[in-house]
């Protein structure tokens, strides 16, 4: 269960579910006062979600071609003549 709570999308879903529960139980007036709390609670998971998607995109683009151009085709010259 702890593994699931570490995903940012699950954290956002839980925050929105709690916010919807507050709105359903206490009415629209409570939503007005709870909306800054929702923004604070969701800000960190959204930043983590954006960072994770950036890393996933970089891995998707660069891992298949890693080592095929510059790394594998470098020529090392010896300093035997000096």
N, C-alpha and C. Protein backbone atom coordinates (compact mmCIF):
# COMPACT_ATOMS: atom_id res chain seq x y z
N UNK A 1 0.82 -1.19 0.00
CA UNK A 1 0.00 0.00 0.00
C UNK A 1 0.87 1.26 0.00
N UNK A 2 2.00 1.22 0.71
CA UNK A 2 2.87 2.40 0.75
C UNK A 2 3.44 2.72 -0.62
N UNK A 3 3.66 1.69 -1.42
CA UNK A 3 4.19 1.91 -2.77
C UNK A 3 3.20 2.71 -3.61
N UNK A 4 1.93 2.41 -3.49
CA UNK A 4 0.92 3.13 -4.26
C UNK A 4 0.81 4.59 -3.84
N UNK A 5 1.04 4.86 -2.59
CA UNK A 5 0.94 6.25 -2.12
C UNK A 5 2.13 7.09 -2.54
N UNK A 6 3.17 6.48 -3.07
CA UNK A 6 4.32 7.25 -3.52
C UNK A 6 4.15 7.80 -4.93
N UNK A 7 3.14 7.36 -5.67
CA UNK A 7 2.90 7.86 -7.02
C UNK A 7 2.18 9.20 -6.95
N UNK A 8 2.67 10.21 -7.69
CA UNK A 8 2.04 11.53 -7.64
C UNK A 8 0.59 11.53 -8.14
N UNK A 9 0.28 10.71 -9.13
CA UNK A 9 -1.09 10.68 -9.64
C UNK A 9 -2.06 10.15 -8.58
N UNK A 10 -1.62 9.20 -7.78
CA UNK A 10 -2.47 8.67 -6.71
C UNK A 10 -2.64 9.72 -5.61
N UNK A 11 -1.58 10.46 -5.32
CA UNK A 11 -1.67 11.52 -4.31
C UNK A 11 -2.65 12.61 -4.76
N UNK A 12 -2.60 12.99 -6.03
CA UNK A 12 -3.52 14.00 -6.56
C UNK A 12 -4.95 13.48 -6.49
N UNK A 13 -5.15 12.23 -6.87
CA UNK A 13 -6.48 11.63 -6.82
C UNK A 13 -7.04 11.61 -5.40
N UNK A 14 -6.21 11.27 -4.43
CA UNK A 14 -6.66 11.26 -3.03
C UNK A 14 -7.01 12.66 -2.54
N UNK A 15 -6.21 13.65 -2.91
CA UNK A 15 -6.50 15.03 -2.50
C UNK A 15 -7.81 15.52 -3.09
N UNK A 16 -8.04 15.22 -4.35
CA UNK A 16 -9.29 15.64 -4.99
C UNK A 16 -10.48 14.90 -4.40
N UNK A 17 -10.30 13.62 -4.06
CA UNK A 17 -11.38 12.85 -3.45
C UNK A 17 -11.75 13.41 -2.07
N UNK A 18 -10.75 13.78 -1.29
CA UNK A 18 -11.03 14.37 0.03
C UNK A 18 -11.71 15.73 -0.13
N UNK A 19 -11.27 16.50 -1.12
CA UNK A 19 -11.88 17.80 -1.39
C UNK A 19 -13.34 17.64 -1.82
N UNK A 20 -13.60 16.64 -2.67
CA UNK A 20 -14.98 16.39 -3.08
C UNK A 20 -15.84 15.92 -1.91
N UNK A 21 -15.25 15.13 -1.03
CA UNK A 21 -15.98 14.66 0.16
C UNK A 21 -16.32 15.83 1.07
N UNK A 22 -15.38 16.76 1.24
CA UNK A 22 -15.65 17.95 2.05
C UNK A 22 -16.78 18.76 1.43
N UNK A 23 -16.75 18.92 0.12
CA UNK A 23 -17.81 19.67 -0.56
C UNK A 23 -19.16 18.99 -0.47
N UNK A 24 -19.16 17.69 -0.52
CA UNK A 24 -20.42 16.95 -0.45
C UNK A 24 -21.01 16.98 0.96
N UNK A 25 -20.13 16.86 1.96
CA UNK A 25 -20.62 16.81 3.34
C UNK A 25 -20.94 18.19 3.92
N UNK A 26 -20.14 19.20 3.59
CA UNK A 26 -20.28 20.51 4.24
C UNK A 26 -20.82 21.60 3.33
N UNK A 27 -20.95 21.35 2.06
CA UNK A 27 -21.54 22.33 1.16
C UNK A 27 -20.52 23.19 0.44
N UNK A 28 -21.05 24.07 -0.38
CA UNK A 28 -20.21 24.91 -1.24
C UNK A 28 -19.42 25.94 -0.43
N UNK A 29 -19.97 26.38 0.68
CA UNK A 29 -19.28 27.38 1.50
C UNK A 29 -17.96 26.82 2.05
N UNK A 30 -17.94 25.56 2.40
CA UNK A 30 -16.71 24.93 2.90
C UNK A 30 -15.68 24.76 1.77
N UNK A 31 -16.16 24.60 0.54
CA UNK A 31 -15.23 24.46 -0.58
C UNK A 31 -14.44 25.73 -0.81
N UNK A 32 -15.07 26.87 -0.55
CA UNK A 32 -14.37 28.15 -0.72
C UNK A 32 -13.20 28.24 0.24
N UNK A 33 -13.39 27.81 1.46
CA UNK A 33 -12.32 27.88 2.45
C UNK A 33 -11.33 26.72 2.32
N UNK A 34 -11.75 25.64 1.72
CA UNK A 34 -10.86 24.49 1.56
C UNK A 34 -10.04 24.56 0.27
N UNK A 35 -10.39 25.42 -0.64
CA UNK A 35 -9.67 25.48 -1.92
C UNK A 35 -8.20 25.88 -1.77
N UNK A 36 -7.81 26.81 -0.88
CA UNK A 36 -6.36 27.04 -0.70
C UNK A 36 -5.64 25.82 -0.13
N UNK A 37 -6.31 25.07 0.72
CA UNK A 37 -5.70 23.84 1.24
C UNK A 37 -5.52 22.80 0.14
N UNK A 38 -6.48 22.74 -0.78
CA UNK A 38 -6.35 21.83 -1.91
C UNK A 38 -5.17 22.24 -2.79
N UNK A 39 -5.02 23.53 -3.03
CA UNK A 39 -3.91 24.01 -3.86
C UNK A 39 -2.57 23.67 -3.23
N UNK A 40 -2.46 23.84 -1.93
CA UNK A 40 -1.21 23.51 -1.23
C UNK A 40 -0.96 22.01 -1.26
N UNK A 41 -2.00 21.22 -1.10
CA UNK A 41 -1.85 19.77 -1.05
C UNK A 41 -1.50 19.18 -2.42
N UNK A 42 -1.96 19.82 -3.48
CA UNK A 42 -1.74 19.27 -4.82
C UNK A 42 -0.48 19.82 -5.47
N UNK A 43 0.06 20.92 -5.00
CA UNK A 43 1.21 21.55 -5.66
C UNK A 43 2.42 20.62 -5.74
N UNK A 44 2.78 20.00 -4.67
CA UNK A 44 3.97 19.14 -4.65
C UNK A 44 3.80 17.91 -5.55
N UNK A 45 2.67 17.19 -5.50
CA UNK A 45 2.52 16.05 -6.42
C UNK A 45 2.51 16.46 -7.90
N UNK A 46 2.00 17.63 -8.22
CA UNK A 46 2.01 18.08 -9.62
C UNK A 46 3.45 18.35 -10.06
N UNK A 47 4.24 18.96 -9.21
CA UNK A 47 5.64 19.21 -9.54
C UNK A 47 6.38 17.88 -9.70
N UNK A 48 6.12 16.92 -8.84
CA UNK A 48 6.75 15.60 -8.96
C UNK A 48 6.30 14.88 -10.23
N UNK A 49 5.02 15.02 -10.58
CA UNK A 49 4.50 14.39 -11.79
C UNK A 49 5.16 14.98 -13.03
N UNK A 50 5.35 16.30 -13.05
CA UNK A 50 6.02 16.94 -14.19
C UNK A 50 7.48 16.49 -14.28
N UNK A 51 8.16 16.41 -13.15
CA UNK A 51 9.55 15.96 -13.15
C UNK A 51 9.68 14.51 -13.59
N UNK A 52 8.78 13.66 -13.13
CA UNK A 52 8.81 12.24 -13.53
C UNK A 52 8.56 12.08 -15.02
N UNK A 53 7.62 12.86 -15.56
CA UNK A 53 7.35 12.74 -16.99
C UNK A 53 8.53 13.25 -17.81
N UNK A 54 9.24 14.26 -17.32
CA UNK A 54 10.43 14.76 -18.01
C UNK A 54 11.52 13.68 -18.03
N UNK A 55 11.75 13.03 -16.91
CA UNK A 55 12.76 11.98 -16.86
C UNK A 55 12.36 10.78 -17.72
N UNK A 56 11.07 10.45 -17.73
CA UNK A 56 10.60 9.35 -18.55
C UNK A 56 10.76 9.65 -20.04
N UNK A 57 10.51 10.90 -20.43
CA UNK A 57 10.67 11.30 -21.82
C UNK A 57 12.13 11.26 -22.24
N UNK A 58 13.02 11.75 -21.37
CA UNK A 58 14.46 11.69 -21.69
C UNK A 58 14.93 10.25 -21.82
N UNK A 59 14.48 9.38 -20.95
CA UNK A 59 14.88 7.98 -21.03
C UNK A 59 14.35 7.34 -22.31
N UNK A 60 13.13 7.68 -22.68
CA UNK A 60 12.53 7.13 -23.89
C UNK A 60 13.28 7.57 -25.14
N UNK A 61 13.77 8.80 -25.14
CA UNK A 61 14.46 9.34 -26.31
C UNK A 61 15.92 8.88 -26.36
N UNK A 62 16.62 8.93 -25.22
CA UNK A 62 18.06 8.73 -25.25
C UNK A 62 18.54 7.31 -25.00
N UNK A 63 17.81 6.49 -24.28
CA UNK A 63 18.30 5.14 -23.98
C UNK A 63 18.48 4.26 -25.21
N UNK A 64 17.59 4.31 -26.21
CA UNK A 64 17.82 3.46 -27.39
C UNK A 64 19.08 3.83 -28.19
N UNK A 65 19.49 5.10 -28.16
CA UNK A 65 20.64 5.52 -28.96
C UNK A 65 21.88 5.79 -28.11
N UNK A 66 21.81 5.49 -26.85
CA UNK A 66 22.94 5.75 -25.96
C UNK A 66 24.15 4.91 -26.39
N UNK A 67 25.25 5.59 -26.60
CA UNK A 67 26.49 4.90 -26.93
C UNK A 67 26.68 4.60 -28.40
N UNK A 68 25.79 5.05 -29.26
CA UNK A 68 25.93 4.69 -30.67
C UNK A 68 26.67 5.74 -31.48
N UNK A 69 26.72 6.97 -31.07
CA UNK A 69 27.34 8.00 -31.90
C UNK A 69 28.68 8.46 -31.34
N UNK A 70 28.66 9.29 -30.35
CA UNK A 70 29.90 9.86 -29.82
C UNK A 70 30.68 8.86 -28.97
N UNK A 71 30.00 8.11 -28.16
CA UNK A 71 30.69 7.23 -27.23
C UNK A 71 31.40 6.09 -27.95
N UNK A 72 30.77 5.48 -28.92
CA UNK A 72 31.34 4.31 -29.58
C UNK A 72 32.31 4.68 -30.70
N UNK A 73 32.26 5.87 -31.23
CA UNK A 73 33.08 6.22 -32.39
C UNK A 73 34.22 7.17 -32.06
N UNK A 74 34.57 7.32 -30.82
CA UNK A 74 35.71 8.14 -30.44
C UNK A 74 37.00 7.45 -30.80
N UNK A 75 37.97 8.22 -31.26
CA UNK A 75 39.27 7.66 -31.56
C UNK A 75 40.27 8.22 -30.55
N UNK A 76 41.01 7.36 -29.97
CA UNK A 76 42.00 7.77 -29.00
C UNK A 76 43.38 7.70 -29.66
N UNK A 77 44.06 8.81 -29.67
CA UNK A 77 45.41 8.87 -30.25
C UNK A 77 46.43 8.67 -29.15
N UNK A 78 47.40 7.84 -29.43
CA UNK A 78 48.42 7.61 -28.42
C UNK A 78 49.48 8.70 -28.49
N UNK A 79 50.11 8.95 -27.40
CA UNK A 79 51.19 9.96 -27.32
C UNK A 79 52.55 9.30 -27.43
N UNK A 80 52.67 8.28 -28.26
CA UNK A 80 53.94 7.56 -28.38
C UNK A 80 55.02 8.42 -29.05
N UNK A 81 54.61 9.32 -29.92
CA UNK A 81 55.60 10.14 -30.62
C UNK A 81 56.11 11.30 -29.79
N UNK A 82 55.54 11.60 -28.68
CA UNK A 82 55.95 12.77 -27.88
C UNK A 82 56.81 12.36 -26.73
